[in-house]
Amino acid sequence: MNPVNSADRWSVYPPSVNLESEFDIDWIRSQFDFVNTGRIVTNNAASTQAPLPILHLTREVLRDYENVHRGQSQASQSTTMRFELAYDTIAAWINAPSRRNIVTYRNTTEAHNAVMYSLMTEFRDGDNVVTTMLEHNSNYVPWYALTEEILPRFGRRVERRLARFDPVTGALDLHHLTSLVDERTKLVCCTGASNFLGTKPPLDIVRAIADASGYVQPTGERRSLMLVDAAQLVPSTYTDVQALDVDYLSFSFHKMLAPFGVGVLYGKEHLLDHSLPFLFGGDMIAEGQVSPDLVEYNELPWKYAAGTPNIVGVVQSAQTLRLMIDLTADPGEASFFRSERPIPAHVVRRSMERIGRHTHGLTARALDRLSAVPGITIYGPPIGVVRSPLVAFNVEGWNPLDLATELDSRGVEARAGCHCATLAHHSLGLDPPASCRLSFALYNSTDDVDRACAAVLDATGRDGGSVSRSLRL
């Protein structure tokens, strides 16, 4: 089947479906232009590829584009409607109560900084923040900066505490985490899924640990707040923020088939209403409410939308969620892409469970094949334990960056480095603090996995080739 073109309206009816699979992977792959280039994209934990229907939709949005809110033109009102409906779609995807819980930023990192700056004035002398050694740098460095560089300039002492993980299984050490949380713990930060080890900590237990602290929040609650970095969780796992009872949750759309430039921060409404904004000016100000003596902020969620937002990016991102439902739907089911139809939670759950089973199968296949490579060390949970859809590894005698370069020469786009999980690499004593990583998405096939694993075997010379040229540790 040829990929759709700009003249075609999206259809959810694939020509054929292999009933032995979750969905018709060949039809799904036909909706992505990169497939026609022969690329084997296995760096999806960093960024995914955008589908053709989203690229075509972008041209349509730009044709009638205007700035949002306060505009009198039909174009402005139409763009505003698309923009605000996008917030509703995002809220529905994670089962947030409403758009009032959704704040958009450039990426997950900016979302974490927004939480840090919004809470900064609430920290009291002697408080602490607890995070883990599993974190992406974006969920550690802001708290390092807060406790080591920002608050000390105001004469305030706030401690930073780090929970360990098991070096063999990658599991978060819950006993150690519990020992670090006390009545002065304002905030507990935890990844939903590690982008290096693949570990998925039990967030319900982390929530219970945070609940038991007894910390008195300015809102009157007696528990620690909880921030979940869900950048690696949301793309392949159904995520219900109300069931998880998280206070804040973040993720990025460039890891979910959308173009770059949009990250999401979910926050409980009473927290967003109480806290100070991260940025000031523009649309975050209530209409006409600026005087020499008083500035009134806009209603939620626009209180956190300073200046002109990434309008097109937000619309693209929300429509990508709708497209993901259609890509994984059964033949004959109603289309959500390009529609204004509310998305029921059970529809999102079914779509994400199908994506999760597909990517879990790919990951299990990769783990099985890579384990046969002589001299390989695979990090994180063993085969059979649920993990995010990625495999990080090192091969004896190889610098991981050299190995990734060799894989690229064989058409396999992997990723090597610390993956911004620097704490975990150092904790494992890796020198250099780096690993090679394969990661999978909806559009990957079993053939992608097999070719990537075969490339590792071929590149490392374990099938008879030479390894001497890359012994540069």
Protein backbone atom coordinates (compact mmCIF):
# COMPACT_ATOMS: atom_id res chain seq x y z
CA MET A 1 0.00 0.00 0.00
CA ASN A 2 1.32 3.45 -0.85
CA PRO A 3 1.56 6.00 1.94
CA VAL A 4 -1.29 8.50 2.09
CA ASN A 5 -0.72 11.77 0.26
CA SER A 6 -1.92 15.29 0.92
CA ALA A 7 -5.04 14.77 -1.17
CA ASP A 8 -6.19 11.74 0.78
CA ARG A 9 -8.37 11.95 3.86
CA TRP A 10 -7.20 9.62 6.60
CA SER A 11 -8.96 6.26 6.68
CA VAL A 12 -8.89 3.82 9.59
CA TYR A 13 -9.65 0.82 7.44
CA PRO A 14 -6.45 -1.04 6.58
CA PRO A 15 -6.77 -3.29 3.54
CA SER A 16 -5.95 -6.41 5.53
CA VAL A 17 -5.21 -7.38 9.09
CA ASN A 18 -3.14 -10.29 10.34
CA LEU A 19 -5.37 -11.59 13.11
CA GLU A 20 -2.42 -13.34 14.72
CA SER A 21 -0.86 -9.96 15.53
CA GLU A 22 -2.02 -6.98 17.55
CA PHE A 23 -2.43 -5.02 14.32
CA ASP A 24 -1.31 -4.89 10.71
CA ILE A 25 2.28 -3.73 11.14
CA ASP A 26 2.91 -3.48 7.40
CA TRP A 27 -0.02 -1.11 6.99
CA ILE A 28 1.12 0.96 9.97
CA ARG A 29 4.63 1.21 8.55
CA SER A 30 3.21 2.41 5.23
CA GLN A 31 2.10 5.59 7.02
CA PHE A 32 5.71 6.60 7.76
CA ASP A 33 7.97 8.00 5.05
CA PHE A 34 11.21 6.92 6.74
CA VAL A 35 10.36 3.29 5.97
CA ASN A 36 10.83 3.98 2.25
CA THR A 37 14.44 4.97 2.88
CA GLY A 38 15.34 1.57 4.35
CA ARG A 39 16.24 3.06 7.74
CA ILE A 40 16.12 0.77 10.77
CA VAL A 41 15.09 3.22 13.47
CA THR A 42 15.92 1.83 16.89
CA ASN A 43 16.59 5.06 18.78
CA ASN A 44 12.99 5.69 19.70
CA ALA A 45 13.60 6.30 23.39
CA ALA A 46 15.25 9.55 22.29
CA SER A 47 12.85 10.57 19.49
CA THR A 48 10.33 8.85 17.28
CA GLN A 49 9.44 9.43 13.63
CA ALA A 50 6.38 11.44 12.61
CA PRO A 51 3.66 9.80 10.47
CA LEU A 52 2.67 11.21 7.10
CA PRO A 53 -0.91 12.05 8.10
CA ILE A 54 0.41 14.43 10.78
CA LEU A 55 2.74 16.13 8.32
CA HIS A 56 -0.14 16.61 5.90
CA LEU A 57 -2.38 17.91 8.68
CA THR A 58 0.24 20.52 9.53
CA ARG A 59 -0.09 22.13 6.11
CA GLU A 60 -3.83 22.31 6.59
CA VAL A 61 -3.50 23.94 10.01
CA LEU A 62 -1.02 26.49 8.72
CA ARG A 63 -3.30 27.45 5.83
CA ASP A 64 -5.89 28.85 8.26
CA TYR A 65 -3.45 29.79 10.99
CA GLU A 66 -3.79 32.76 13.38
CA ASN A 67 -2.81 33.45 16.96
CA VAL A 68 -5.04 32.08 19.70
CA HIS A 69 -7.27 33.86 22.22
CA ARG A 70 -8.47 37.44 22.03
CA GLY A 71 -8.47 37.53 18.23
CA GLN A 72 -11.61 38.65 16.43
CA SER A 73 -10.92 37.05 13.05
CA GLN A 74 -12.54 33.79 12.03
CA ALA A 75 -9.05 32.33 11.57
CA SER A 76 -8.11 33.21 15.15
CA GLN A 77 -11.31 31.74 16.55
CA SER A 78 -10.90 28.58 14.50
CA THR A 79 -7.27 28.16 15.58
CA THR A 80 -8.26 28.81 19.20
CA MET A 81 -10.88 26.07 18.99
CA ARG A 82 -8.35 23.57 17.59
CA PHE A 83 -5.83 24.60 20.25
CA GLU A 84 -8.19 24.28 23.21
CA LEU A 85 -9.64 20.99 21.97
CA ALA A 86 -6.05 19.70 21.83
CA TYR A 87 -5.81 20.25 25.59
CA ASP A 88 -8.99 18.21 26.05
CA THR A 89 -7.50 15.37 24.02
CA ILE A 90 -4.27 15.39 26.04
CA ALA A 91 -6.22 15.41 29.30
CA ALA A 92 -8.33 12.46 28.14
CA TRP A 93 -5.22 10.49 27.15
CA ILE A 94 -3.91 10.38 30.71
CA ASN A 95 -7.38 10.50 32.31
CA ALA A 96 -6.84 13.93 33.82
CA PRO A 97 -10.05 15.52 35.16
CA SER A 98 -9.96 18.35 32.61
CA ARG A 99 -7.81 20.65 30.49
CA ARG A 100 -7.26 22.73 33.64
CA ASN A 101 -4.72 20.11 34.72
CA ILE A 102 -2.64 20.34 31.53
CA VAL A 103 0.29 22.69 30.96
CA THR A 104 2.36 22.55 27.79
CA TYR A 105 6.06 23.34 27.60
CA ARG A 106 8.82 22.65 25.08
CA ASN A 107 9.75 19.26 26.53
CA THR A 108 9.85 17.15 29.69
CA THR A 109 12.95 18.96 30.94
CA GLU A 110 11.21 22.33 30.88
CA ALA A 111 8.22 20.78 32.66
CA HIS A 112 10.48 19.66 35.52
CA ASN A 113 12.02 23.12 35.71
CA ALA A 114 8.52 24.57 35.86
CA VAL A 115 7.73 22.45 38.92
CA MET A 116 11.02 23.46 40.53
CA TYR A 117 10.51 27.19 40.02
CA SER A 118 6.83 27.06 40.93
CA LEU A 119 7.59 25.35 44.25
CA MET A 120 10.84 27.21 44.95
CA THR A 121 9.31 29.84 47.24
CA GLU A 122 7.49 27.18 49.28
CA PHE A 123 10.59 25.36 50.51
CA ARG A 124 11.37 25.95 54.16
CA ASP A 125 14.75 25.82 55.85
CA GLY A 126 15.47 22.19 56.70
CA ASP A 127 13.23 20.67 54.01
CA ASN A 128 14.46 17.99 51.64
CA VAL A 129 13.79 16.66 48.13
CA VAL A 130 14.08 12.93 47.46
CA THR A 131 14.83 11.59 44.00
CA THR A 132 16.56 8.44 42.70
CA MET A 133 19.73 7.26 41.00
CA LEU A 134 17.56 6.00 38.13
CA GLU A 135 16.61 9.48 36.97
CA HIS A 136 17.18 11.22 33.70
CA ASN A 137 19.32 14.30 34.30
CA SER A 138 16.24 16.48 33.81
CA ASN A 139 14.73 15.03 37.00
CA TYR A 140 17.90 15.45 39.02
CA VAL A 141 19.82 18.52 37.88
CA PRO A 142 16.96 20.98 38.64
CA TRP A 143 16.90 19.68 42.21
CA TYR A 144 20.67 19.85 42.41
CA ALA A 145 20.51 23.46 41.24
CA LEU A 146 17.73 24.27 43.70
CA THR A 147 19.50 22.83 46.73
CA GLU A 148 23.11 23.70 45.85
CA GLU A 149 22.95 26.91 43.84
CA ILE A 150 19.63 28.75 44.11
CA LEU A 151 18.22 28.46 47.63
CA PRO A 152 21.64 28.85 49.34
CA ARG A 153 21.81 32.36 47.85
CA PHE A 154 18.71 33.17 49.88
CA GLY A 155 20.22 31.63 53.00
CA ARG A 156 17.91 28.63 52.88
CA ARG A 157 19.15 25.08 53.48
CA VAL A 158 17.29 22.32 51.65
CA GLU A 159 18.74 18.83 51.41
CA ARG A 160 18.83 16.62 48.32
CA ARG A 161 18.58 12.84 48.84
CA LEU A 162 19.09 10.02 46.33
CA ALA A 163 17.58 6.53 46.52
CA ARG A 164 19.70 3.61 45.28
CA PHE A 165 18.81 0.86 42.84
CA ASP A 166 19.83 -2.79 42.60
CA PRO A 167 22.86 -2.93 40.28
CA VAL A 168 21.89 -6.40 38.98
CA THR A 169 18.16 -6.06 38.33
CA GLY A 170 17.90 -2.28 38.09
CA ALA A 171 15.02 -2.32 40.59
CA LEU A 172 14.54 0.76 42.74
CA ASP A 173 15.57 0.08 46.36
CA LEU A 174 12.25 0.77 48.04
CA HIS A 175 13.65 0.21 51.54
CA HIS A 176 16.30 2.83 50.94
CA LEU A 177 13.71 5.20 49.46
CA THR A 178 11.53 4.74 52.54
CA SER A 179 14.46 5.55 54.83
CA LEU A 180 15.06 8.83 53.00
CA VAL A 181 11.49 10.16 53.18
CA ASP A 182 10.57 11.88 56.42
CA GLU A 183 8.37 14.67 57.81
CA ARG A 184 10.54 17.30 56.07
CA THR A 185 10.32 15.76 52.59
CA LYS A 186 8.37 18.25 50.49
CA LEU A 187 8.72 16.37 47.21
CA VAL A 188 9.51 12.85 45.97
CA CYS A 189 10.65 12.60 42.33
CA CYS A 190 10.66 9.27 40.52
CA THR A 191 10.92 8.04 36.96
CA GLY A 192 8.01 6.03 35.60
CA ALA A 193 10.41 4.05 33.40
CA SER A 194 14.19 4.34 33.12
CA ASN A 195 15.56 5.34 29.72
CA PHE A 196 18.74 3.35 30.44
CA LEU A 197 17.85 0.28 32.49
CA GLY A 198 14.25 -0.01 31.39
CA THR A 199 13.18 -0.31 35.03
CA LYS A 200 9.55 0.54 35.80
CA PRO A 201 9.35 1.35 39.54
CA PRO A 202 6.10 0.47 41.35
CA LEU A 203 4.57 3.94 41.42
CA ASP A 204 1.77 2.88 43.76
CA ILE A 205 4.33 1.96 46.41
CA VAL A 206 6.29 5.18 45.81
CA ARG A 207 3.01 7.07 46.27
CA ALA A 208 2.36 5.27 49.55
CA ILE A 209 5.85 6.12 50.78
CA ALA A 210 5.31 9.79 49.91
CA ASP A 211 1.89 9.74 51.60
CA ALA A 212 3.36 8.46 54.86
CA SER A 213 5.78 11.35 55.35
CA GLY A 214 3.35 13.66 57.12
CA TYR A 215 4.91 16.77 55.56
CA VAL A 216 2.55 19.74 55.99
CA GLN A 217 2.03 21.36 52.59
CA PRO A 218 0.85 25.00 52.20
CA THR A 219 -2.46 23.62 50.88
CA GLY A 220 -3.06 21.80 54.17
CA GLU A 221 -2.24 18.31 52.90
CA ARG A 222 -0.04 16.19 55.14
CA ARG A 223 2.10 14.21 52.70
CA SER A 224 4.97 14.68 50.30
CA LEU A 225 4.19 15.75 46.78
CA MET A 226 5.06 13.27 44.02
CA LEU A 227 6.49 14.09 40.59
CA VAL A 228 6.72 11.31 37.99
CA ASP A 229 8.93 11.63 34.93
CA ALA A 230 6.79 9.66 32.47
CA ALA A 231 8.75 10.45 29.30
CA GLN A 232 9.47 6.73 28.82
CA LEU A 233 6.24 5.50 30.41
CA VAL A 234 3.45 7.25 28.52
CA PRO A 235 4.59 6.25 24.98
CA SER A 236 4.01 2.53 25.57
CA THR A 237 1.91 2.20 28.74
CA TYR A 238 -1.63 3.25 29.59
CA THR A 239 -1.20 5.96 32.20
CA ASP A 240 -4.06 7.07 34.44
CA VAL A 241 -2.98 10.03 36.56
CA GLN A 242 -6.03 9.78 38.81
CA ALA A 243 -5.48 6.10 39.54
CA LEU A 244 -1.79 6.79 40.22
CA ASP A 245 -2.73 9.79 42.39
CA VAL A 246 0.37 11.67 41.22
CA ASP A 247 0.68 15.37 41.94
CA TYR A 248 2.75 16.09 38.84
CA LEU A 249 3.51 14.00 35.76
CA SER A 250 5.53 14.92 32.68
CA PHE A 251 6.15 13.57 29.18
CA SER A 252 7.20 14.69 25.70
CA PHE A 253 5.40 14.21 22.40
CA HIS A 254 8.56 13.81 20.33
CA LYS A 255 8.78 10.33 21.88
CA MET A 256 5.17 9.64 20.81
CA LEU A 257 5.28 10.05 17.01
CA ALA A 258 4.75 13.83 17.04
CA PRO A 259 7.25 16.44 15.82
CA PHE A 260 9.58 18.20 18.26
CA GLY A 261 8.64 21.05 20.55
CA VAL A 262 5.82 20.03 22.93
CA GLY A 263 6.12 18.64 26.42
CA VAL A 264 3.33 18.18 28.93
CA LEU A 265 3.09 18.79 32.65
CA TYR A 266 0.04 17.38 34.39
CA GLY A 267 -0.65 18.90 37.78
CA LYS A 268 -3.45 18.54 40.28
CA GLU A 269 -5.73 21.53 39.90
CA HIS A 270 -5.41 22.80 43.46
CA LEU A 271 -1.62 22.76 43.16
CA LEU A 272 -1.58 24.63 39.85
CA ASP A 273 -4.09 27.09 41.25
CA HIS A 274 -2.02 27.67 44.40
CA SER A 275 1.50 27.79 42.94
CA LEU A 276 3.22 30.65 41.20
CA PRO A 277 3.70 30.40 37.42
CA PHE A 278 7.09 29.55 35.95
CA LEU A 279 6.97 32.30 33.31
CA PHE A 280 5.23 35.66 33.33
CA GLY A 281 3.62 37.85 30.68
CA GLY A 282 1.34 37.50 27.67
CA ASP A 283 -1.53 35.03 27.72
CA MET A 284 -0.99 34.11 31.37
CA ILE A 285 -2.43 37.49 32.37
CA ALA A 286 -6.18 37.90 32.80
CA GLU A 287 -7.66 40.12 30.10
CA GLY A 288 -7.01 43.76 30.96
CA GLN A 289 -5.95 42.97 34.52
CA VAL A 290 -2.66 44.86 34.70
CA SER A 291 -2.30 48.01 36.78
CA PRO A 292 0.59 49.72 38.57
CA ASP A 293 -0.46 48.05 41.82
CA LEU A 294 -1.92 44.69 40.81
CA VAL A 295 -1.66 41.97 38.14
CA GLU A 296 -4.29 39.24 37.93
CA TYR A 297 -3.40 35.91 36.34
CA ASN A 298 -5.51 34.05 33.82
CA GLU A 299 -7.64 31.02 34.65
CA LEU A 300 -6.19 27.52 34.38
CA PRO A 301 -4.53 26.22 32.31
CA TRP A 302 -3.66 29.54 30.62
CA LYS A 303 -2.16 30.85 33.87
CA TYR A 304 0.90 28.79 32.86
CA ALA A 305 0.90 29.84 29.18
CA ALA A 306 3.12 32.91 29.03
CA GLY A 307 3.49 34.52 25.61
CA THR A 308 2.47 32.93 22.34
CA PRO A 309 2.43 29.13 22.73
CA ASN A 310 3.51 26.47 20.25
CA ILE A 311 0.03 26.41 18.74
CA VAL A 312 0.74 24.21 15.75
CA GLY A 313 2.85 21.83 17.81
CA VAL A 314 0.11 21.36 20.41
CA VAL A 315 -2.49 20.69 17.71
CA GLN A 316 -0.14 18.24 15.95
CA SER A 317 0.58 16.44 19.21
CA ALA A 318 -3.05 15.99 20.20
CA GLN A 319 -3.95 14.76 16.73
CA THR A 320 -1.07 12.29 16.92
CA LEU A 321 -2.74 10.75 19.96
CA ARG A 322 -5.95 10.39 17.98
CA LEU A 323 -4.02 8.90 15.09
CA MET A 324 -2.41 6.32 17.41
CA ILE A 325 -5.90 5.09 18.29
CA ASP A 326 -6.80 4.73 14.63
CA LEU A 327 -3.53 2.99 13.78
CA THR A 328 -4.20 0.32 16.40
CA ALA A 329 -7.98 0.02 15.94
CA ASP A 330 -9.87 -2.93 14.56
CA PRO A 331 -11.23 -2.69 10.99
CA GLY A 332 -14.49 -0.80 10.79
CA GLU A 333 -14.12 1.09 14.05
CA ALA A 334 -14.86 4.81 14.19
CA SER A 335 -12.06 7.22 13.39
CA PHE A 336 -10.76 9.70 15.95
CA PHE A 337 -8.09 11.40 13.83
CA ARG A 338 -9.20 14.86 12.61
CA SER A 339 -12.38 14.59 14.65
CA GLU A 340 -13.62 16.47 17.72
CA ARG A 341 -15.06 13.30 19.20
CA PRO A 342 -14.31 12.86 22.94
CA ILE A 343 -12.01 9.91 23.58
CA PRO A 344 -13.31 7.47 26.20
CA ALA A 345 -10.75 6.13 28.67
CA HIS A 346 -11.37 2.52 27.62
CA VAL A 347 -10.45 3.38 24.03
CA VAL A 348 -7.14 4.90 25.12
CA ARG A 349 -6.47 1.94 27.40
CA ARG A 350 -7.07 -0.61 24.65
CA SER A 351 -4.86 1.26 22.18
CA MET A 352 -2.01 1.61 24.65
CA GLU A 353 -2.29 -1.99 25.81
CA ARG A 354 -1.93 -3.12 22.21
CA ILE A 355 1.07 -0.88 21.67
CA GLY A 356 2.53 -2.11 24.96
CA ARG A 357 2.16 -5.76 24.02
CA HIS A 358 3.69 -5.12 20.61
CA THR A 359 6.73 -3.24 21.91
CA HIS A 360 7.13 -5.70 24.81
CA GLY A 361 7.30 -8.53 22.29
CA LEU A 362 9.94 -6.70 20.27
CA THR A 363 11.97 -6.04 23.41
CA ALA A 364 11.78 -9.66 24.54
CA ARG A 365 12.93 -10.75 21.09
CA ALA A 366 15.87 -8.35 21.23
CA LEU A 367 16.86 -9.52 24.72
CA ASP A 368 16.79 -13.12 23.56
CA ARG A 369 18.93 -12.50 20.48
CA LEU A 370 21.39 -10.12 22.10
CA SER A 371 22.00 -12.51 24.98
CA ALA A 372 23.71 -14.82 22.48
CA VAL A 373 26.38 -12.21 21.65
CA PRO A 374 29.68 -13.26 23.31
CA GLY A 375 31.02 -10.74 25.80
CA ILE A 376 27.79 -8.76 26.06
CA THR A 377 26.48 -7.21 29.28
CA ILE A 378 22.80 -6.28 29.20
CA TYR A 379 21.62 -3.82 31.86
CA GLY A 380 18.36 -3.74 33.73
CA PRO A 381 15.61 -6.26 34.46
CA PRO A 382 16.17 -9.84 33.24
CA ILE A 383 14.11 -11.52 30.54
CA GLY A 384 10.56 -12.04 31.73
CA VAL A 385 10.40 -8.92 33.89
CA VAL A 386 8.35 -6.04 32.54
CA ARG A 387 10.52 -3.19 31.30
CA SER A 388 10.19 -0.21 28.99
CA PRO A 389 10.82 -1.10 25.30
CA LEU A 390 14.57 -0.67 25.24
CA VAL A 391 17.75 -2.68 25.75
CA ALA A 392 20.99 -1.03 26.85
CA PHE A 393 24.20 -3.04 26.70
CA ASN A 394 27.96 -3.06 26.34
CA VAL A 395 30.17 -5.56 24.55
CA GLU A 396 33.54 -6.46 26.02
CA GLY A 397 36.40 -4.73 24.21
CA TRP A 398 34.17 -2.13 22.57
CA ASN A 399 33.64 1.52 23.26
CA PRO A 400 29.82 1.86 22.99
CA LEU A 401 30.10 4.99 20.84
CA ASP A 402 32.27 3.11 18.36
CA LEU A 403 29.79 0.27 18.34
CA ALA A 404 26.87 2.60 17.58
CA THR A 405 28.88 4.06 14.70
CA GLU A 406 29.48 0.58 13.35
CA LEU A 407 25.78 -0.21 13.63
CA ASP A 408 24.94 2.95 11.73
CA SER A 409 27.27 1.89 8.93
CA ARG A 410 25.11 -1.24 8.72
CA GLY A 411 21.90 0.78 8.52
CA VAL A 412 20.87 0.43 12.17
CA GLU A 413 20.22 3.68 14.05
CA ALA A 414 21.04 2.91 17.66
CA ARG A 415 22.19 5.31 20.38
CA ALA A 416 25.30 5.34 22.56
CA GLY A 417 26.32 7.51 25.48
CA CYS A 418 25.00 8.04 28.97
CA HIS A 419 21.48 8.73 27.62
CA CYS A 420 21.29 11.55 30.19
CA ALA A 421 21.09 8.79 32.84
CA THR A 422 24.50 9.80 34.12
CA LEU A 423 23.86 8.92 37.76
CA ALA A 424 22.99 5.32 36.93
CA HIS A 425 25.99 4.84 34.63
CA HIS A 426 28.34 6.14 37.33
CA SER A 427 26.57 4.00 39.95
CA LEU A 428 27.38 0.90 37.88
CA GLY A 429 31.01 2.00 37.63
CA LEU A 430 31.00 2.13 33.83
CA ASP A 431 34.12 3.63 32.27
CA PRO A 432 33.37 5.44 30.08
CA PRO A 433 29.95 6.15 31.63
CA ALA A 434 28.13 5.01 28.52
CA SER A 435 26.20 2.16 26.91
CA CYS A 436 24.74 1.26 23.54
CA ARG A 437 20.95 1.17 23.35
CA LEU A 438 18.26 -0.20 21.04
CA SER A 439 14.73 1.08 21.66
CA PHE A 440 11.46 0.29 19.94
CA ALA A 441 8.20 1.98 18.95
CA LEU A 442 4.85 1.18 17.40
CA TYR A 443 6.19 1.07 13.83
CA ASN A 444 9.09 -1.31 14.50
CA SER A 445 8.80 -4.86 13.15
CA THR A 446 10.34 -8.16 14.16
CA ASP A 447 12.52 -7.82 11.07
CA ASP A 448 13.88 -4.53 12.50
CA VAL A 449 14.79 -6.35 15.70
CA ASP A 450 16.43 -9.25 13.91
CA ARG A 451 18.46 -7.00 11.63
CA ALA A 452 19.58 -4.79 14.52
CA CYS A 453 20.69 -7.76 16.61
CA ALA A 454 22.42 -9.35 13.63
CA ALA A 455 24.25 -6.04 13.08
CA VAL A 456 25.54 -6.13 16.68
CA LEU A 457 26.86 -9.64 16.13
CA ASP A 458 28.44 -8.69 12.82
CA ALA A 459 29.91 -5.38 14.02
CA THR A 460 31.57 -6.88 17.08
CA GLY A 461 33.18 -9.60 15.00
CA ARG A 462 31.54 -12.37 17.01
CA ASP A 463 30.70 -14.05 13.72
CA GLY A 464 34.33 -14.12 12.60
CA GLY A 465 35.03 -10.46 11.88
CA SER A 466 37.72 -8.27 13.42
CA VAL A 467 37.30 -6.20 16.57
CA SER A 468 40.75 -4.66 16.83
CA ARG A 469 39.88 -1.38 15.09
CA SER A 470 37.51 -0.33 17.88
CA LEU A 471 39.46 -1.22 21.00
CA ARG A 472 39.52 2.41 22.19
CA LEU A 473 38.21 2.27 25.74
